[in-house]
């Protein structure tokens, strides 16, 4: 496994998701929202939903090859949950992609 499987059904694979994951199109829609709209949505969410929201923003930016943004989001999540295995795995993947880009 190259580690990228963490990106496909991340919350379900970790046994952390009780509801179905959001459709992939909603992830990209969320990414396209203006920062002011995202700022309105985020505080209204429960703590677990906030974690999921930040994680999916990191995944979406990773897939869009926006590695610096993805790293910012995943590190925000890891500040609150430093032992989160999905977050740590995604951080490694992002770092690896960023290192490849600097060669």
PDB file of N, CA and C in Angstrom:
ATOM      1  N   UNK A   1       0.843  -1.189   0.000  1.00  0.00           N
ATOM      2  CA  UNK A   1       0.000   0.000   0.000  1.00  0.00           C
ATOM      3  C   UNK A   1       0.883   1.245   0.000  1.00  0.00           C
ATOM      4  N   UNK A   2       0.566   2.196  -0.864  1.00  0.00           N
ATOM      5  CA  UNK A   2       1.365   3.414  -0.937  1.00  0.00           C
ATOM      6  C   UNK A   2       0.884   4.493   0.016  1.00  0.00           C
ATOM      7  N   UNK A   3      -0.117   4.175   0.811  1.00  0.00           N
ATOM      8  CA  UNK A   3      -0.599   5.131   1.794  1.00  0.00           C
ATOM      9  C   UNK A   3      -1.737   5.996   1.297  1.00  0.00           C
ATOM     10  N   UNK A   4      -1.958   6.040  -0.019  1.00  0.00           N
ATOM     11  CA  UNK A   4      -2.998   6.916  -0.533  1.00  0.00           C
ATOM     12  C   UNK A   4      -4.396   6.388  -0.265  1.00  0.00           C
ATOM     13  N   UNK A   5      -4.523   5.143   0.169  1.00  0.00           N
ATOM     14  CA  UNK A   5      -5.853   4.617   0.473  1.00  0.00           C
ATOM     15  C   UNK A   5      -6.509   5.398   1.601  1.00  0.00           C
ATOM     16  N   UNK A   6      -5.716   6.093   2.402  1.00  0.00           N
ATOM     17  CA  UNK A   6      -6.264   6.914   3.480  1.00  0.00           C
ATOM     18  C   UNK A   6      -7.169   8.010   2.914  1.00  0.00           C
ATOM     19  N   UNK A   7      -7.008   8.330   1.632  1.00  0.00           N
ATOM     20  CA  UNK A   7      -7.769   9.416   1.038  1.00  0.00           C
ATOM     21  C   UNK A   7      -9.124   8.992   0.496  1.00  0.00           C
ATOM     22  N   UNK A   8      -9.386   7.716   0.358  1.00  0.00           N
ATOM     23  CA  UNK A   8     -10.606   7.302  -0.321  1.00  0.00           C
ATOM     24  C   UNK A   8     -11.820   7.273   0.589  1.00  0.00           C
ATOM     25  N   UNK A   9     -11.815   6.532   1.629  1.00  0.00           N
ATOM     26  CA  UNK A   9     -12.888   6.548   2.612  1.00  0.00           C
ATOM     27  C   UNK A   9     -12.253   6.725   3.977  1.00  0.00           C
ATOM     28  N   UNK A  10     -11.616   7.880   4.207  1.00  0.00           N
ATOM     29  CA  UNK A  10     -10.764   8.050   5.378  1.00  0.00           C
ATOM     30  C   UNK A  10     -11.456   7.878   6.710  1.00  0.00           C
ATOM     31  N   UNK A  11     -12.598   8.464   6.881  1.00  0.00           N
ATOM     32  CA  UNK A  11     -13.247   8.388   8.180  1.00  0.00           C
ATOM     33  C   UNK A  11     -13.824   6.991   8.405  1.00  0.00           C
ATOM     34  N   UNK A  12     -14.361   6.403   7.356  1.00  0.00           N
ATOM     35  CA  UNK A  12     -14.935   5.069   7.474  1.00  0.00           C
ATOM     36  C   UNK A  12     -13.849   4.043   7.769  1.00  0.00           C
ATOM     37  N   UNK A  13     -12.710   4.145   7.094  1.00  0.00           N
ATOM     38  CA  UNK A  13     -11.615   3.199   7.305  1.00  0.00           C
ATOM     39  C   UNK A  13     -11.108   3.229   8.737  1.00  0.00           C
ATOM     40  N   UNK A  14     -11.167   4.381   9.364  1.00  0.00           N
ATOM     41  CA  UNK A  14     -10.676   4.504  10.732  1.00  0.00           C
ATOM     42  C   UNK A  14     -11.761   4.173  11.747  1.00  0.00           C
ATOM     43  N   UNK A  15     -12.961   3.836  11.261  1.00  0.00           N
ATOM     44  CA  UNK A  15     -14.052   3.528  12.171  1.00  0.00           C
ATOM     45  C   UNK A  15     -14.574   4.752  12.896  1.00  0.00           C
ATOM     46  N   UNK A  16     -14.315   5.938  12.352  1.00  0.00           N
ATOM     47  CA  UNK A  16     -14.706   7.170  13.026  1.00  0.00           C
ATOM     48  C   UNK A  16     -16.015   7.731  12.489  1.00  0.00           C
ATOM     49  N   UNK A  17     -16.510   7.196  11.383  1.00  0.00           N
ATOM     50  CA  UNK A  17     -17.681   7.791  10.777  1.00  0.00           C
ATOM     51  C   UNK A  17     -18.899   6.910  11.004  1.00  0.00           C
ATOM     52  N   UNK A  18     -19.949   7.502  11.514  1.00  0.00           N
ATOM     53  CA  UNK A  18     -21.190   6.759  11.706  1.00  0.00           C
ATOM     54  C   UNK A  18     -22.176   7.077  10.592  1.00  0.00           C
ATOM     55  N   UNK A  19     -22.099   8.265  10.030  1.00  0.00           N
ATOM     56  CA  UNK A  19     -22.943   8.643   8.902  1.00  0.00           C
ATOM     57  C   UNK A  19     -22.160   8.410   7.620  1.00  0.00           C
ATOM     58  N   UNK A  20     -22.861   8.291   6.492  1.00  0.00           N
ATOM     59  CA  UNK A  20     -22.124   8.116   5.238  1.00  0.00           C
ATOM     60  C   UNK A  20     -21.256   9.336   4.958  1.00  0.00           C
ATOM     61  N   UNK A  21     -20.104   9.137   4.314  1.00  0.00           N
ATOM     62  CA  UNK A  21     -19.235  10.273   4.007  1.00  0.00           C
ATOM     63  C   UNK A  21     -19.917  11.205   3.013  1.00  0.00           C
ATOM     64  N   UNK A  22     -19.532  12.481   3.015  1.00  0.00           N
ATOM     65  CA  UNK A  22     -20.151  13.398   2.064  1.00  0.00           C
ATOM     66  C   UNK A  22     -19.764  13.010   0.643  1.00  0.00           C
ATOM     67  N   UNK A  23     -20.661  13.234  -0.312  1.00  0.00           N
ATOM     68  CA  UNK A  23     -20.305  12.927  -1.700  1.00  0.00           C
ATOM     69  C   UNK A  23     -19.087  13.736  -2.115  1.00  0.00           C
ATOM     70  N   UNK A  24     -18.301  13.170  -3.004  1.00  0.00           N
ATOM     71  CA  UNK A  24     -17.077  13.845  -3.437  1.00  0.00           C
ATOM     72  C   UNK A  24     -17.366  15.227  -4.022  1.00  0.00           C
ATOM     73  N   UNK A  25     -18.484  15.367  -4.741  1.00  0.00           N
ATOM     74  CA  UNK A  25     -18.782  16.670  -5.330  1.00  0.00           C
ATOM     75  C   UNK A  25     -19.003  17.723  -4.247  1.00  0.00           C
ATOM     76  N   UNK A  26     -19.532  17.318  -3.093  1.00  0.00           N
ATOM     77  CA  UNK A  26     -19.736  18.301  -2.026  1.00  0.00           C
ATOM     78  C   UNK A  26     -18.401  18.785  -1.466  1.00  0.00           C
ATOM     79  N   UNK A  27     -17.398  17.917  -1.497  1.00  0.00           N
ATOM     80  CA  UNK A  27     -16.069  18.319  -1.054  1.00  0.00           C
ATOM     81  C   UNK A  27     -15.551  19.454  -1.925  1.00  0.00           C
ATOM     82  N   UNK A  28     -15.659  19.290  -3.227  1.00  0.00           N
ATOM     83  CA  UNK A  28     -15.157  20.314  -4.131  1.00  0.00           C
ATOM     84  C   UNK A  28     -16.018  21.572  -4.080  1.00  0.00           C
ATOM     85  N   UNK A  29     -17.309  21.409  -3.835  1.00  0.00           N
ATOM     86  CA  UNK A  29     -18.170  22.566  -3.653  1.00  0.00           C
ATOM     87  C   UNK A  29     -17.738  23.342  -2.415  1.00  0.00           C
ATOM     88  N   UNK A  30     -17.448  22.625  -1.342  1.00  0.00           N
ATOM     89  CA  UNK A  30     -16.978  23.262  -0.113  1.00  0.00           C
ATOM     90  C   UNK A  30     -15.694  24.034  -0.369  1.00  0.00           C
ATOM     91  N   UNK A  31     -14.788  23.440  -1.146  1.00  0.00           N
ATOM     92  CA  UNK A  31     -13.528  24.115  -1.441  1.00  0.00           C
ATOM     93  C   UNK A  31     -13.749  25.382  -2.251  1.00  0.00           C
ATOM     94  N   UNK A  32     -14.797  25.386  -3.079  1.00  0.00           N
ATOM     95  CA  UNK A  32     -15.031  26.538  -3.939  1.00  0.00           C
ATOM     96  C   UNK A  32     -15.747  27.681  -3.218  1.00  0.00           C
ATOM     97  N   UNK A  33     -16.284  27.417  -2.022  1.00  0.00           N
ATOM     98  CA  UNK A  33     -16.970  28.470  -1.281  1.00  0.00           C
ATOM     99  C   UNK A  33     -15.995  29.566  -0.874  1.00  0.00           C
ATOM    100  N   UNK A  34     -16.501  30.759  -0.800  1.00  0.00           N
ATOM    101  CA  UNK A  34     -15.640  31.853  -0.366  1.00  0.00           C
ATOM    102  C   UNK A  34     -15.258  31.640   1.098  1.00  0.00           C
ATOM    103  N   UNK A  35     -14.112  32.160   1.503  1.00  0.00           N
ATOM    104  CA  UNK A  35     -13.687  32.006   2.903  1.00  0.00           C
ATOM    105  C   UNK A  35     -14.718  32.526   3.900  1.00  0.00           C
ATOM    106  N   UNK A  36     -15.449  33.579   3.544  1.00  0.00           N
ATOM    107  CA  UNK A  36     -16.438  34.115   4.487  1.00  0.00           C
ATOM    108  C   UNK A  36     -17.588  33.141   4.700  1.00  0.00           C
ATOM    109  N   UNK A  37     -18.001  32.440   3.648  1.00  0.00           N
ATOM    110  CA  UNK A  37     -19.071  31.448   3.793  1.00  0.00           C
ATOM    111  C   UNK A  37     -18.564  30.261   4.599  1.00  0.00           C
ATOM    112  N   UNK A  38     -17.335  29.806   4.316  1.00  0.00           N
ATOM    113  CA  UNK A  38     -16.773  28.694   5.091  1.00  0.00           C
ATOM    114  C   UNK A  38     -16.665  29.078   6.561  1.00  0.00           C
ATOM    115  N   UNK A  39     -16.333  30.332   6.835  1.00  0.00           N
ATOM    116  CA  UNK A  39     -16.208  30.792   8.222  1.00  0.00           C
ATOM    117  C   UNK A  39     -17.554  30.760   8.939  1.00  0.00           C
ATOM    118  N   UNK A  40     -18.649  30.938   8.200  1.00  0.00           N
ATOM    119  CA  UNK A  40     -19.980  30.858   8.803  1.00  0.00           C
ATOM    120  C   UNK A  40     -20.362  29.412   9.100  1.00  0.00           C
ATOM    121  N   UNK A  41     -19.983  28.496   8.231  1.00  0.00           N
ATOM    122  CA  UNK A  41     -20.350  27.087   8.381  1.00  0.00           C
ATOM    123  C   UNK A  41     -19.575  26.445   9.528  1.00  0.00           C
ATOM    124  N   UNK A  42     -18.280  26.702   9.595  1.00  0.00           N
ATOM    125  CA  UNK A  42     -17.398  26.012  10.533  1.00  0.00           C
ATOM    126  C   UNK A  42     -17.818  26.147  11.996  1.00  0.00           C
ATOM    127  N   UNK A  43     -18.064  27.353  12.529  1.00  0.00           N
ATOM    128  CA  UNK A  43     -18.405  27.452  13.957  1.00  0.00           C
ATOM    129  C   UNK A  43     -19.730  26.779  14.312  1.00  0.00           C
ATOM    130  N   UNK A  44     -20.629  26.653  13.347  1.00  0.00           N
ATOM    131  CA  UNK A  44     -21.937  26.055  13.619  1.00  0.00           C
ATOM    132  C   UNK A  44     -21.855  24.535  13.732  1.00  0.00           C
ATOM    133  N   UNK A  45     -20.762  23.959  13.303  1.00  0.00           N
ATOM    134  CA  UNK A  45     -20.619  22.504  13.304  1.00  0.00           C
ATOM    135  C   UNK A  45     -20.205  21.998  14.686  1.00  0.00           C
ATOM    136  N   UNK A  46     -20.572  20.762  14.971  1.00  0.00           N
ATOM    137  CA  UNK A  46     -20.115  20.103  16.191  1.00  0.00           C
ATOM    138  C   UNK A  46     -18.621  19.838  16.080  1.00  0.00           C
ATOM    139  N   UNK A  47     -17.984  19.562  17.212  1.00  0.00           N
ATOM    140  CA  UNK A  47     -16.533  19.364  17.219  1.00  0.00           C
ATOM    141  C   UNK A  47     -16.098  18.252  16.256  1.00  0.00           C
ATOM    142  N   UNK A  48     -16.799  17.115  16.263  1.00  0.00           N
ATOM    143  CA  UNK A  48     -16.446  16.025  15.348  1.00  0.00           C
ATOM    144  C   UNK A  48     -16.627  16.453  13.899  1.00  0.00           C
ATOM    145  N   UNK A  49     -17.691  17.207  13.635  1.00  0.00           N
ATOM    146  CA  UNK A  49     -17.928  17.682  12.277  1.00  0.00           C
ATOM    147  C   UNK A  49     -16.844  18.667  11.855  1.00  0.00           C
ATOM    148  N   UNK A  50     -16.367  19.478  12.796  1.00  0.00           N
ATOM    149  CA  UNK A  50     -15.290  20.411  12.480  1.00  0.00           C
ATOM    150  C   UNK A  50     -14.039  19.649  12.076  1.00  0.00           C
ATOM    151  N   UNK A  51     -13.723  18.583  12.820  1.00  0.00           N
ATOM    152  CA  UNK A  51     -12.559  17.763  12.478  1.00  0.00           C
ATOM    153  C   UNK A  51     -12.723  17.193  11.078  1.00  0.00           C
ATOM    154  N   UNK A  52     -13.903  16.635  10.792  1.00  0.00           N
ATOM    155  CA  UNK A  52     -14.161  16.058   9.475  1.00  0.00           C
ATOM    156  C   UNK A  52     -14.052  17.121   8.389  1.00  0.00           C
ATOM    157  N   UNK A  53     -14.612  18.284   8.658  1.00  0.00           N
ATOM    158  CA  UNK A  53     -14.603  19.402   7.718  1.00  0.00           C
ATOM    159  C   UNK A  53     -13.163  19.785   7.372  1.00  0.00           C
ATOM    160  N   UNK A  54     -12.334  19.948   8.386  1.00  0.00           N
ATOM    161  CA  UNK A  54     -10.936  20.319   8.154  1.00  0.00           C
ATOM    162  C   UNK A  54     -10.202  19.204   7.419  1.00  0.00           C
ATOM    163  N   UNK A  55     -10.457  17.960   7.811  1.00  0.00           N
ATOM    164  CA  UNK A  55      -9.798  16.832   7.155  1.00  0.00           C
ATOM    165  C   UNK A  55     -10.163  16.788   5.672  1.00  0.00           C
ATOM    166  N   UNK A  56     -11.440  16.935   5.367  1.00  0.00           N
ATOM    167  CA  UNK A  56     -11.859  16.887   3.963  1.00  0.00           C
ATOM    168  C   UNK A  56     -11.335  18.079   3.173  1.00  0.00           C
ATOM    169  N   UNK A  57     -11.194  19.227   3.806  1.00  0.00           N
ATOM    170  CA  UNK A  57     -10.558  20.356   3.124  1.00  0.00           C
ATOM    171  C   UNK A  57      -9.102  20.028   2.806  1.00  0.00           C
ATOM    172  N   UNK A  58      -8.422  19.367   3.731  1.00  0.00           N
ATOM    173  CA  UNK A  58      -7.038  18.951   3.486  1.00  0.00           C
ATOM    174  C   UNK A  58      -6.982  17.945   2.343  1.00  0.00           C
ATOM    175  N   UNK A  59      -7.875  16.956   2.356  1.00  0.00           N
ATOM    176  CA  UNK A  59      -7.906  15.942   1.295  1.00  0.00           C
ATOM    177  C   UNK A  59      -8.209  16.593  -0.051  1.00  0.00           C
ATOM    178  N   UNK A  60      -9.199  17.471  -0.073  1.00  0.00           N
ATOM    179  CA  UNK A  60      -9.555  18.137  -1.324  1.00  0.00           C
ATOM    180  C   UNK A  60      -8.413  18.949  -1.892  1.00  0.00           C
ATOM    181  N   UNK A  61      -7.730  19.688  -1.037  1.00  0.00           N
ATOM    182  CA  UNK A  61      -6.589  20.471  -1.508  1.00  0.00           C
ATOM    183  C   UNK A  61      -5.450  19.570  -1.956  1.00  0.00           C
ATOM    184  N   UNK A  62      -5.262  18.445  -1.281  1.00  0.00           N
ATOM    185  CA  UNK A  62      -4.246  17.474  -1.696  1.00  0.00           C
ATOM    186  C   UNK A  62      -4.556  16.977  -3.107  1.00  0.00           C
ATOM    187  N   UNK A  63      -5.795  16.615  -3.339  1.00  0.00           N
ATOM    188  CA  UNK A  63      -6.188  16.098  -4.657  1.00  0.00           C
ATOM    189  C   UNK A  63      -6.083  17.165  -5.739  1.00  0.00           C
ATOM    190  N   UNK A  64      -6.269  18.416  -5.355  1.00  0.00           N
ATOM    191  CA  UNK A  64      -6.132  19.515  -6.308  1.00  0.00           C
ATOM    192  C   UNK A  64      -4.677  19.959  -6.457  1.00  0.00           C
ATOM    193  N   UNK A  65      -3.790  19.259  -5.790  1.00  0.00           N
ATOM    194  CA  UNK A  65      -2.345  19.541  -5.797  1.00  0.00           C
ATOM    195  C   UNK A  65      -2.024  20.909  -5.196  1.00  0.00           C
ATOM    196  N   UNK A  66      -2.852  21.335  -4.275  1.00  0.00           N
ATOM    197  CA  UNK A  66      -2.628  22.560  -3.501  1.00  0.00           C
ATOM    198  C   UNK A  66      -2.010  22.124  -2.176  1.00  0.00           C
ATOM    199  N   UNK A  67      -0.761  21.677  -2.246  1.00  0.00           N
ATOM    200  CA  UNK A  67      -0.143  21.016  -1.106  1.00  0.00           C
ATOM    201  C   UNK A  67       0.068  21.934   0.092  1.00  0.00           C
ATOM    202  N   UNK A  68       0.397  23.194  -0.148  1.00  0.00           N
ATOM    203  CA  UNK A  68       0.593  24.111   0.984  1.00  0.00           C
ATOM    204  C   UNK A  68      -0.712  24.327   1.748  1.00  0.00           C
ATOM    205  N   UNK A  69      -1.815  24.490   1.012  1.00  0.00           N
ATOM    206  CA  UNK A  69      -3.120  24.647   1.672  1.00  0.00           C
ATOM    207  C   UNK A  69      -3.495  23.369   2.413  1.00  0.00           C
ATOM    208  N   UNK A  70      -3.262  22.229   1.762  1.00  0.00           N
ATOM    209  CA  UNK A  70      -3.587  20.941   2.389  1.00  0.00           C
ATOM    210  C   UNK A  70      -2.807  20.775   3.687  1.00  0.00           C
ATOM    211  N   UNK A  71      -1.537  21.131   3.659  1.00  0.00           N
ATOM    212  CA  UNK A  71      -0.693  21.006   4.845  1.00  0.00           C
ATOM    213  C   UNK A  71      -1.186  21.923   5.964  1.00  0.00           C
ATOM    214  N   UNK A  72      -1.615  23.116   5.601  1.00  0.00           N
ATOM    215  CA  UNK A  72      -2.148  24.054   6.599  1.00  0.00           C
ATOM    216  C   UNK A  72      -3.372  23.450   7.290  1.00  0.00           C
ATOM    217  N   UNK A  73      -4.288  22.891   6.502  1.00  0.00           N
ATOM    218  CA  UNK A  73      -5.500  22.306   7.086  1.00  0.00           C
ATOM    219  C   UNK A  73      -5.182  21.094   7.947  1.00  0.00           C
ATOM    220  N   UNK A  74      -4.324  20.214   7.462  1.00  0.00           N
ATOM    221  CA  UNK A  74      -4.063  18.981   8.216  1.00  0.00           C
ATOM    222  C   UNK A  74      -3.310  19.298   9.504  1.00  0.00           C
ATOM    223  N   UNK A  75      -2.441  20.285   9.474  1.00  0.00           N
ATOM    224  CA  UNK A  75      -1.726  20.658  10.703  1.00  0.00           C
ATOM    225  C   UNK A  75      -2.656  21.332  11.703  1.00  0.00           C
ATOM    226  N   UNK A  76      -3.661  22.040  11.209  1.00  0.00           N
ATOM    227  CA  UNK A  76      -4.676  22.603  12.104  1.00  0.00           C
ATOM    228  C   UNK A  76      -5.402  21.478  12.819  1.00  0.00           C
ATOM    229  N   UNK A  77      -5.768  20.443  12.069  1.00  0.00           N
ATOM    230  CA  UNK A  77      -6.446  19.304  12.673  1.00  0.00           C
ATOM    231  C   UNK A  77      -5.537  18.606  13.678  1.00  0.00           C
ATOM    232  N   UNK A  78      -4.264  18.439  13.321  1.00  0.00           N
ATOM    233  CA  UNK A  78      -3.330  17.726  14.191  1.00  0.00           C
ATOM    234  C   UNK A  78      -2.999  18.507  15.465  1.00  0.00           C
ATOM    235  N   UNK A  79      -3.178  19.819  15.457  1.00  0.00           N
ATOM    236  CA  UNK A  79      -2.991  20.588  16.696  1.00  0.00           C
ATOM    237  C   UNK A  79      -3.986  20.129  17.752  1.00  0.00           C
ATOM    238  N   UNK A  80      -5.206  19.859  17.309  1.00  0.00           N
ATOM    239  CA  UNK A  80      -6.261  19.434  18.230  1.00  0.00           C
ATOM    240  C   UNK A  80      -6.238  17.940  18.496  1.00  0.00           C
ATOM    241  N   UNK A  81      -5.745  17.163  17.549  1.00  0.00           N
ATOM    242  CA  UNK A  81      -5.694  15.707  17.689  1.00  0.00           C
ATOM    243  C   UNK A  81      -4.333  15.207  17.212  1.00  0.00           C
ATOM    244  N   UNK A  82      -3.286  15.424  17.990  1.00  0.00           N
ATOM    245  CA  UNK A  82      -1.936  15.078  17.539  1.00  0.00           C
ATOM    246  C   UNK A  82      -1.722  13.596  17.252  1.00  0.00           C
ATOM    247  N   UNK A  83      -2.532  12.734  17.803  1.00  0.00           N
ATOM    248  CA  UNK A  83      -2.362  11.303  17.569  1.00  0.00           C
ATOM    249  C   UNK A  83      -3.258  10.749  16.480  1.00  0.00           C
ATOM    250  N   UNK A  84      -3.961  11.598  15.757  1.00  0.00           N
ATOM    251  CA  UNK A  84      -4.890  11.149  14.720  1.00  0.00           C
ATOM    252  C   UNK A  84      -4.107  10.499  13.580  1.00  0.00           C
ATOM    253  N   UNK A  85      -4.277   9.187  13.429  1.00  0.00           N
ATOM    254  CA  UNK A  85      -3.484   8.429  12.454  1.00  0.00           C
ATOM    255  C   UNK A  85      -3.760   8.853  11.018  1.00  0.00           C
ATOM    256  N   UNK A  86      -5.015   9.135  10.701  1.00  0.00           N
ATOM    257  CA  UNK A  86      -5.331   9.582   9.346  1.00  0.00           C
ATOM    258  C   UNK A  86      -4.644  10.906   9.049  1.00  0.00           C
ATOM    259  N   UNK A  87      -4.696  11.801  10.005  1.00  0.00           N
ATOM    260  CA  UNK A  87      -4.055  13.091   9.832  1.00  0.00           C
ATOM    261  C   UNK A  87      -2.553  12.957   9.661  1.00  0.00           C
ATOM    262  N   UNK A  88      -1.949  12.103  10.470  1.00  0.00           N
ATOM    263  CA  UNK A  88      -0.501  11.889  10.379  1.00  0.00           C
ATOM    264  C   UNK A  88      -0.117  11.275   9.036  1.00  0.00           C
ATOM    265  N   UNK A  89      -0.927  10.316   8.560  1.00  0.00           N
ATOM    266  CA  UNK A  89      -0.656   9.686   7.261  1.00  0.00           C
ATOM    267  C   UNK A  89      -0.787  10.697   6.128  1.00  0.00           C
ATOM    268  N   UNK A  90      -1.836  11.515   6.188  1.00  0.00           N
ATOM    269  CA  UNK A  90      -2.026  12.519   5.145  1.00  0.00           C
ATOM    270  C   UNK A  90      -0.900  13.544   5.177  1.00  0.00           C
ATOM    271  N   UNK A  91      -0.462  13.922   6.363  1.00  0.00           N
ATOM    272  CA  UNK A  91       0.653  14.866   6.478  1.00  0.00           C
ATOM    273  C   UNK A  91       1.901  14.295   5.810  1.00  0.00           C
ATOM    274  N   UNK A  92       2.156  13.003   6.009  1.00  0.00           N
ATOM    275  CA  UNK A  92       3.305  12.357   5.360  1.00  0.00           C
ATOM    276  C   UNK A  92       3.174  12.394   3.843  1.00  0.00           C
ATOM    277  N   UNK A  93       1.971  12.092   3.342  1.00  0.00           N
ATOM    278  CA  UNK A  93       1.749  12.108   1.893  1.00  0.00           C
ATOM    279  C   UNK A  93       1.973  13.500   1.315  1.00  0.00           C
ATOM    280  N   UNK A  94       1.466  14.506   2.007  1.00  0.00           N
ATOM    281  CA  UNK A  94       1.628  15.882   1.539  1.00  0.00           C
ATOM    282  C   UNK A  94       3.105  16.259   1.532  1.00  0.00           C
ATOM    283  N   UNK A  95       3.802  15.952   2.628  1.00  0.00           N
ATOM    284  CA  UNK A  95       5.239  16.250   2.700  1.00  0.00           C
ATOM    285  C   UNK A  95       5.992  15.572   1.563  1.00  0.00           C
ATOM    286  N   UNK A  96       5.638  14.320   1.291  1.00  0.00           N
ATOM    287  CA  UNK A  96       6.300  13.560   0.224  1.00  0.00           C
ATOM    288  C   UNK A  96       6.077  14.230  -1.138  1.00  0.00           C
ATOM    289  N   UNK A  97       4.847  14.644  -1.412  1.00  0.00           N
ATOM    290  CA  UNK A  97       4.534  15.314  -2.680  1.00  0.00           C
ATOM    291  C   UNK A  97       5.261  16.651  -2.781  1.00  0.00           C
ATOM    292  N   UNK A  98       5.343  17.380  -1.671  1.00  0.00           N
ATOM    293  CA  UNK A  98       6.022  18.674  -1.690  1.00  0.00           C
ATOM    294  C   UNK A  98       7.521  18.497  -1.922  1.00  0.00           C
ATOM    295  N   UNK A  99       8.110  17.443  -1.346  1.00  0.00           N
ATOM    296  CA  UNK A  99       9.533  17.181  -1.549  1.00  0.00           C
ATOM    297  C   UNK A  99       9.818  16.817  -3.001  1.00  0.00           C
ATOM    298  N   UNK A 100       8.927  16.051  -3.614  1.00  0.00           N
ATOM    299  CA  UNK A 100       9.091  15.694  -5.029  1.00  0.00           C
ATOM    300  C   UNK A 100       9.053  16.932  -5.908  1.00  0.00           C
ATOM    301  N   UNK A 101       8.214  17.889  -5.536  1.00  0.00           N
ATOM    302  CA  UNK A 101       8.068  19.101  -6.328  1.00  0.00           C
ATOM    303  C   UNK A 101       9.261  20.026  -6.251  1.00  0.00           C
ATOM    304  N   UNK A 102      10.090  19.881  -5.222  1.00  0.00           N
ATOM    305  CA  UNK A 102      11.244  20.774  -5.068  1.00  0.00           C
ATOM    306  C   UNK A 102      12.507  20.219  -5.699  1.00  0.00           C
ATOM    307  N   UNK A 103      12.430  19.015  -6.209  1.00  0.00           N
ATOM    308  CA  UNK A 103      13.627  18.416  -6.825  1.00  0.00           C
ATOM    309  C   UNK A 103      13.842  18.912  -8.217  1.00  0.00           C
TER     310      UNK A 103
END
